[in-house]
Amino acid sequence: MDIPFRSALITGSSRGIGRQIALKLAREGVERIGIHYRTGRGEAEKTLALVGAAGARGYLIRGDVGHAQVAERIVTEAASAMGGCDIFIQSVCPPLGEIYENVRATELSLEKWELAFDTQARAFFVGGRAAAKFMKGGGRIIGLSYSMGAQTGGWQPWVGMGSAKAAMESVGRYFAVALARDGVTVNMVSPGFSDATTVVGQTPQQWQDAMLQWSNAGWSPTRKQSSPETIADACALLCCREAAFITGQSISVDGGSSLMNPQFPIELQVPA
């Protein structure tokens, strides 16, 4: 890959997908990596060690992106430490219990709804525009979304996060237009059902087993689930020089599961 940028801040990079994005960018030659965490310093230090072993210099940045002023401070602090911020990637996801209740959409607490918007749509708006000020020679802004949750309504307890991700994707499109002439691209990466190191791993085991069975039944044409590594690969691709003409897009990295038709039985769609 030809990534022409030297500094990157990845929020929520102490673990899971964010950690793999930080590691992937380090391996691809990004020299300075801002590793953001809220409370898990021990996990953030593990990411720091992995990034260092990959040849980059890491910087630990602490703060809660759910507070607008803190979200902006995280970016300015990282940019000051790294001497700039060429790449900004939002990968934050609060612990499942803070944003999720196993209830109908009409019964989700307002507190959880607001936290979803504060840590997703608002944090992306605040963090993205703050980072753009440091992208003097072009740059990349990427948000981790979940397009299916943003477009459908079946997973009722996800109403807060689904709505917040829809708003976040909308912000991304507006930012893409605003920053296009500055050589800054803005895109969304939408993971599919991923492994136990992500938010999926915080669900009951029977849920995880059911999702894996669903995937293996053919709803994922590849018969595979996403992984933090595949999501990190997609983010790195969007940071390449050759991706400079891709902006305002939401790219699903789901093994084709979003291509399947829920109105037809799976046995009528996938040959045995």
Protein backbone atom coordinates (compact mmCIF):
# COMPACT_ATOMS: atom_id res chain seq x y z
CA MET A 1 0.00 0.00 0.00
CA ASP A 2 1.06 3.59 -0.63
CA ILE A 3 -0.17 5.63 2.33
CA PRO A 4 1.29 9.12 1.96
CA PHE A 5 0.34 10.29 5.47
CA ARG A 6 2.56 10.23 8.53
CA SER A 7 0.25 10.73 11.52
CA ALA A 8 -3.05 9.15 12.55
CA LEU A 9 -5.44 9.34 15.49
CA ILE A 10 -7.75 6.39 16.05
CA THR A 11 -10.34 6.90 18.77
CA GLY A 12 -11.31 3.77 20.64
CA SER A 13 -8.04 2.05 19.75
CA SER A 14 -7.21 0.39 23.04
CA ARG A 15 -8.81 -2.87 21.87
CA GLY A 16 -10.83 -4.62 19.17
CA ILE A 17 -11.22 -3.04 15.76
CA GLY A 18 -9.53 0.22 16.78
CA ARG A 19 -6.42 -1.63 17.94
CA GLN A 20 -6.17 -3.52 14.65
CA ILE A 21 -6.56 -0.30 12.66
CA ALA A 22 -3.72 1.31 14.62
CA LEU A 23 -1.53 -1.75 14.09
CA LYS A 24 -2.34 -1.98 10.38
CA LEU A 25 -1.49 1.68 9.76
CA ALA A 26 1.77 1.27 11.67
CA ARG A 27 2.70 -1.72 9.54
CA GLU A 28 1.92 0.26 6.39
CA GLY A 29 4.34 3.05 7.26
CA VAL A 30 2.33 5.61 9.21
CA GLU A 31 4.99 6.87 11.59
CA ARG A 32 2.99 8.40 14.45
CA ILE A 33 -0.17 6.83 15.89
CA GLY A 34 -2.47 8.43 18.45
CA ILE A 35 -3.95 5.66 20.61
CA HIS A 36 -7.10 6.85 22.34
CA TYR A 37 -8.81 5.24 25.31
CA ARG A 38 -11.37 6.22 27.93
CA THR A 39 -10.69 4.00 30.95
CA GLY A 40 -8.74 0.95 29.75
CA ARG A 41 -5.18 2.21 30.09
CA GLY A 42 -3.81 -1.31 30.42
CA GLU A 43 -5.32 -2.33 27.09
CA ALA A 44 -4.16 0.94 25.52
CA GLU A 45 -0.62 0.18 26.63
CA LYS A 46 -0.86 -3.20 24.89
CA THR A 47 -1.79 -1.39 21.68
CA LEU A 48 1.09 1.02 22.27
CA ALA A 49 3.54 -1.90 22.52
CA LEU A 50 2.16 -3.54 19.36
CA VAL A 51 2.37 -0.28 17.40
CA GLY A 52 5.94 0.23 18.59
CA ALA A 53 6.91 -3.28 17.53
CA ALA A 54 5.46 -2.52 14.09
CA GLY A 55 7.84 0.41 13.70
CA ALA A 56 5.66 3.41 14.60
CA ARG A 57 5.71 5.75 17.56
CA GLY A 58 2.55 5.65 19.63
CA TYR A 59 1.00 8.33 21.79
CA LEU A 60 -1.59 7.58 24.48
CA ILE A 61 -4.53 9.98 24.54
CA ARG A 62 -7.18 9.66 27.25
CA GLY A 63 -10.69 11.12 27.29
CA ASP A 64 -14.41 10.53 26.95
CA VAL A 65 -15.60 11.46 23.43
CA GLY A 66 -19.14 11.56 24.80
CA HIS A 67 -18.37 15.08 26.00
CA ALA A 68 -18.03 17.54 23.12
CA GLN A 69 -15.25 19.64 24.63
CA VAL A 70 -13.27 16.52 25.49
CA ALA A 71 -13.75 15.10 22.00
CA GLU A 72 -12.20 18.26 20.56
CA ARG A 73 -9.42 18.28 23.15
CA ILE A 74 -8.49 14.68 22.26
CA VAL A 75 -7.82 15.72 18.68
CA THR A 76 -5.86 18.87 19.51
CA GLU A 77 -3.80 17.03 22.14
CA ALA A 78 -2.98 14.24 19.70
CA ALA A 79 -2.12 16.67 16.91
CA SER A 80 0.16 18.63 19.25
CA ALA A 81 1.97 15.46 20.33
CA MET A 82 2.30 14.05 16.82
CA GLY A 83 3.06 17.29 15.00
CA GLY A 84 -0.17 17.03 13.00
CA CYS A 85 -3.10 14.78 12.31
CA ASP A 86 -3.29 13.49 8.73
CA ILE A 87 -5.73 10.65 9.43
CA PHE A 88 -8.67 10.66 11.85
CA ILE A 89 -10.60 7.44 12.40
CA GLN A 90 -13.49 7.13 14.82
CA SER A 91 -13.79 3.60 16.16
CA VAL A 92 -15.31 4.32 19.57
CA CYS A 93 -18.10 2.10 20.86
CA PRO A 94 -19.16 2.25 24.52
CA PRO A 95 -19.56 -1.01 26.45
CA LEU A 96 -22.76 -2.74 25.38
CA GLY A 97 -24.48 -2.30 28.72
CA GLU A 98 -24.17 1.49 28.49
CA ILE A 99 -26.07 1.77 25.20
CA TYR A 100 -28.24 -1.33 25.02
CA GLU A 101 -31.35 -2.71 26.69
CA ASN A 102 -33.14 -5.85 25.48
CA VAL A 103 -36.40 -3.95 24.96
CA ARG A 104 -38.56 -2.62 22.15
CA ALA A 105 -37.43 0.59 20.47
CA THR A 106 -40.14 2.56 22.22
CA GLU A 107 -38.83 1.45 25.62
CA LEU A 108 -35.12 2.27 25.30
CA SER A 109 -34.12 4.74 27.99
CA LEU A 110 -33.44 8.32 26.94
CA GLU A 111 -30.09 8.09 28.73
CA LYS A 112 -28.91 5.28 26.45
CA TRP A 113 -30.27 7.06 23.35
CA GLU A 114 -28.38 10.24 24.23
CA LEU A 115 -25.16 8.37 24.98
CA ALA A 116 -25.33 6.70 21.56
CA PHE A 117 -25.64 10.07 19.82
CA ASP A 118 -23.02 11.74 22.01
CA THR A 119 -20.39 9.06 21.36
CA GLN A 120 -21.17 8.50 17.68
CA ALA A 121 -22.76 11.30 15.63
CA ARG A 122 -21.72 14.23 17.80
CA ALA A 123 -18.26 12.85 18.53
CA PHE A 124 -17.68 12.33 14.81
CA PHE A 125 -18.90 15.85 14.01
CA VAL A 126 -16.68 17.42 16.66
CA GLY A 127 -13.65 15.19 16.14
CA GLY A 128 -13.79 15.22 12.36
CA ARG A 129 -13.98 18.97 12.01
CA ALA A 130 -11.23 19.45 14.61
CA ALA A 131 -8.96 17.00 12.79
CA ALA A 132 -9.63 18.63 9.41
CA LYS A 133 -7.94 21.82 10.63
CA PHE A 134 -4.65 19.92 10.82
CA MET A 135 -4.93 18.32 7.37
CA LYS A 136 -3.10 21.01 5.43
CA GLY A 137 -1.73 18.66 2.77
CA GLY A 138 -4.85 16.54 2.42
CA GLY A 139 -6.00 13.81 4.72
CA ARG A 140 -8.44 11.04 5.54
CA ILE A 141 -11.44 10.99 7.86
CA ILE A 142 -13.12 7.63 8.45
CA GLY A 143 -16.00 6.63 10.70
CA LEU A 144 -16.86 3.10 11.77
CA SER A 145 -20.57 2.67 11.13
CA TYR A 146 -23.09 -0.13 10.88
CA SER A 147 -25.18 0.61 7.80
CA MET A 148 -27.69 -2.21 8.24
CA GLY A 149 -28.51 -1.06 11.76
CA ALA A 150 -28.86 2.48 10.42
CA GLN A 151 -31.22 1.50 7.59
CA THR A 152 -33.44 -1.19 9.14
CA GLY A 153 -35.52 -1.48 12.28
CA GLY A 154 -35.67 -5.16 13.12
CA TRP A 155 -33.01 -5.20 15.84
CA GLN A 156 -35.19 -3.17 18.20
CA PRO A 157 -32.77 -2.61 21.12
CA TRP A 158 -30.28 -1.06 18.66
CA VAL A 159 -32.53 1.96 18.02
CA GLY A 160 -30.16 4.38 19.77
CA MET A 161 -27.01 3.21 18.02
CA GLY A 162 -28.77 2.61 14.71
CA SER A 163 -30.15 6.13 14.66
CA ALA A 164 -26.82 7.57 15.78
CA LYS A 165 -24.96 5.70 13.03
CA ALA A 166 -27.45 6.98 10.44
CA ALA A 167 -26.78 10.53 11.62
CA MET A 168 -23.04 9.87 11.62
CA GLU A 169 -23.16 8.67 8.01
CA SER A 170 -25.08 11.82 7.07
CA VAL A 171 -22.44 14.00 8.73
CA GLY A 172 -19.81 12.13 6.74
CA ARG A 173 -21.48 12.97 3.43
CA TYR A 174 -21.72 16.67 4.32
CA PHE A 175 -18.09 16.72 5.45
CA ALA A 176 -17.04 14.96 2.24
CA VAL A 177 -18.46 17.82 0.17
CA ALA A 178 -17.08 20.52 2.47
CA LEU A 179 -13.53 19.14 2.46
CA ALA A 180 -13.23 17.81 -1.08
CA ARG A 181 -11.25 20.76 -2.45
CA ASP A 182 -8.82 20.49 0.46
CA GLY A 183 -7.81 16.99 -0.61
CA VAL A 184 -9.50 15.42 2.42
CA THR A 185 -11.72 12.40 1.87
CA VAL A 186 -14.44 11.34 4.30
CA ASN A 187 -15.84 7.81 4.24
CA MET A 188 -17.60 5.25 6.41
CA VAL A 189 -16.62 1.63 6.90
CA SER A 190 -19.46 -0.66 7.92
CA PRO A 191 -18.45 -3.97 9.54
CA GLY A 192 -20.63 -7.03 9.44
CA PHE A 193 -21.06 -9.51 12.29
CA SER A 194 -17.59 -9.71 13.76
CA ASP A 195 -15.76 -11.83 16.31
CA ALA A 196 -15.70 -11.93 20.09
CA THR A 197 -13.09 -9.15 20.44
CA THR A 198 -15.69 -6.58 19.36
CA VAL A 199 -19.03 -5.53 20.87
CA VAL A 200 -20.36 -8.92 19.74
CA GLY A 201 -18.24 -10.51 22.43
CA GLN A 202 -20.23 -8.66 25.08
CA THR A 203 -23.49 -10.37 24.11
CA PRO A 204 -24.65 -13.65 25.73
CA GLN A 205 -22.95 -16.74 24.34
CA GLN A 206 -26.21 -18.07 22.90
CA TRP A 207 -26.51 -14.89 20.83
CA GLN A 208 -23.01 -15.32 19.49
CA ASP A 209 -23.72 -18.95 18.65
CA ALA A 210 -26.93 -17.96 16.86
CA MET A 211 -25.15 -15.31 14.79
CA LEU A 212 -22.43 -17.75 13.81
CA GLN A 213 -25.05 -20.32 12.82
CA TRP A 214 -26.84 -17.66 10.78
CA SER A 215 -23.60 -16.82 8.97
CA ASN A 216 -22.76 -20.46 8.29
CA ALA A 217 -26.27 -21.10 6.94
CA GLY A 218 -25.45 -18.93 3.94
CA TRP A 219 -26.60 -15.48 4.96
CA SER A 220 -22.93 -14.61 4.62
CA PRO A 221 -22.08 -15.83 1.10
CA THR A 222 -18.46 -16.36 2.11
CA ARG A 223 -19.56 -18.47 5.11
CA LYS A 224 -17.21 -16.28 7.13
CA GLN A 225 -17.66 -13.49 9.63
CA SER A 226 -15.90 -10.14 9.60
CA SER A 227 -12.87 -9.65 11.83
CA PRO A 228 -11.06 -6.61 13.20
CA GLU A 229 -8.28 -7.37 10.72
CA THR A 230 -10.59 -7.22 7.67
CA ILE A 231 -12.04 -3.91 8.88
CA ALA A 232 -8.53 -2.54 9.45
CA ASP A 233 -7.56 -3.59 5.92
CA ALA A 234 -10.48 -1.60 4.49
CA CYS A 235 -9.56 1.49 6.51
CA ALA A 236 -5.96 1.26 5.33
CA LEU A 237 -7.09 0.97 1.71
CA LEU A 238 -9.09 4.19 2.06
CA CYS A 239 -5.97 5.91 3.40
CA CYS A 240 -3.96 5.02 0.28
CA ARG A 241 -2.91 7.54 -2.31
CA GLU A 242 -4.92 5.60 -4.89
CA ALA A 243 -8.13 6.12 -2.88
CA ALA A 244 -7.98 9.90 -3.16
CA PHE A 245 -11.06 9.98 -5.45
CA ILE A 246 -13.28 7.94 -3.10
CA THR A 247 -15.26 10.17 -0.75
CA GLY A 248 -18.68 10.35 0.85
CA GLN A 249 -19.13 6.58 0.65
CA SER A 250 -20.20 3.91 3.10
CA ILE A 251 -18.34 0.68 2.37
CA SER A 252 -19.71 -2.56 3.79
CA VAL A 253 -17.07 -5.06 4.85
CA ASP A 254 -19.36 -8.00 5.57
CA GLY A 255 -18.48 -10.84 3.19
CA GLY A 256 -21.55 -10.01 1.10
CA SER A 257 -24.16 -10.57 3.82
CA SER A 258 -25.82 -7.22 3.03
CA LEU A 259 -26.46 -8.55 -0.50
CA MET A 260 -28.81 -11.28 0.68
CA ASN A 261 -32.58 -10.85 0.36
CA PRO A 262 -34.43 -11.24 3.70
CA GLN A 263 -37.75 -11.70 1.86
CA PHE A 264 -36.70 -15.07 0.43
CA PRO A 265 -35.71 -18.27 2.27
CA ILE A 266 -31.97 -18.74 2.31
CA GLU A 267 -32.24 -22.13 0.54
CA LEU A 268 -33.71 -20.34 -2.51
CA GLN A 269 -30.80 -17.92 -2.69
CA VAL A 270 -27.64 -19.93 -2.16
CA PRO A 271 -27.00 -23.13 -4.11
CA ALA A 272 -26.17 -26.11 -1.92
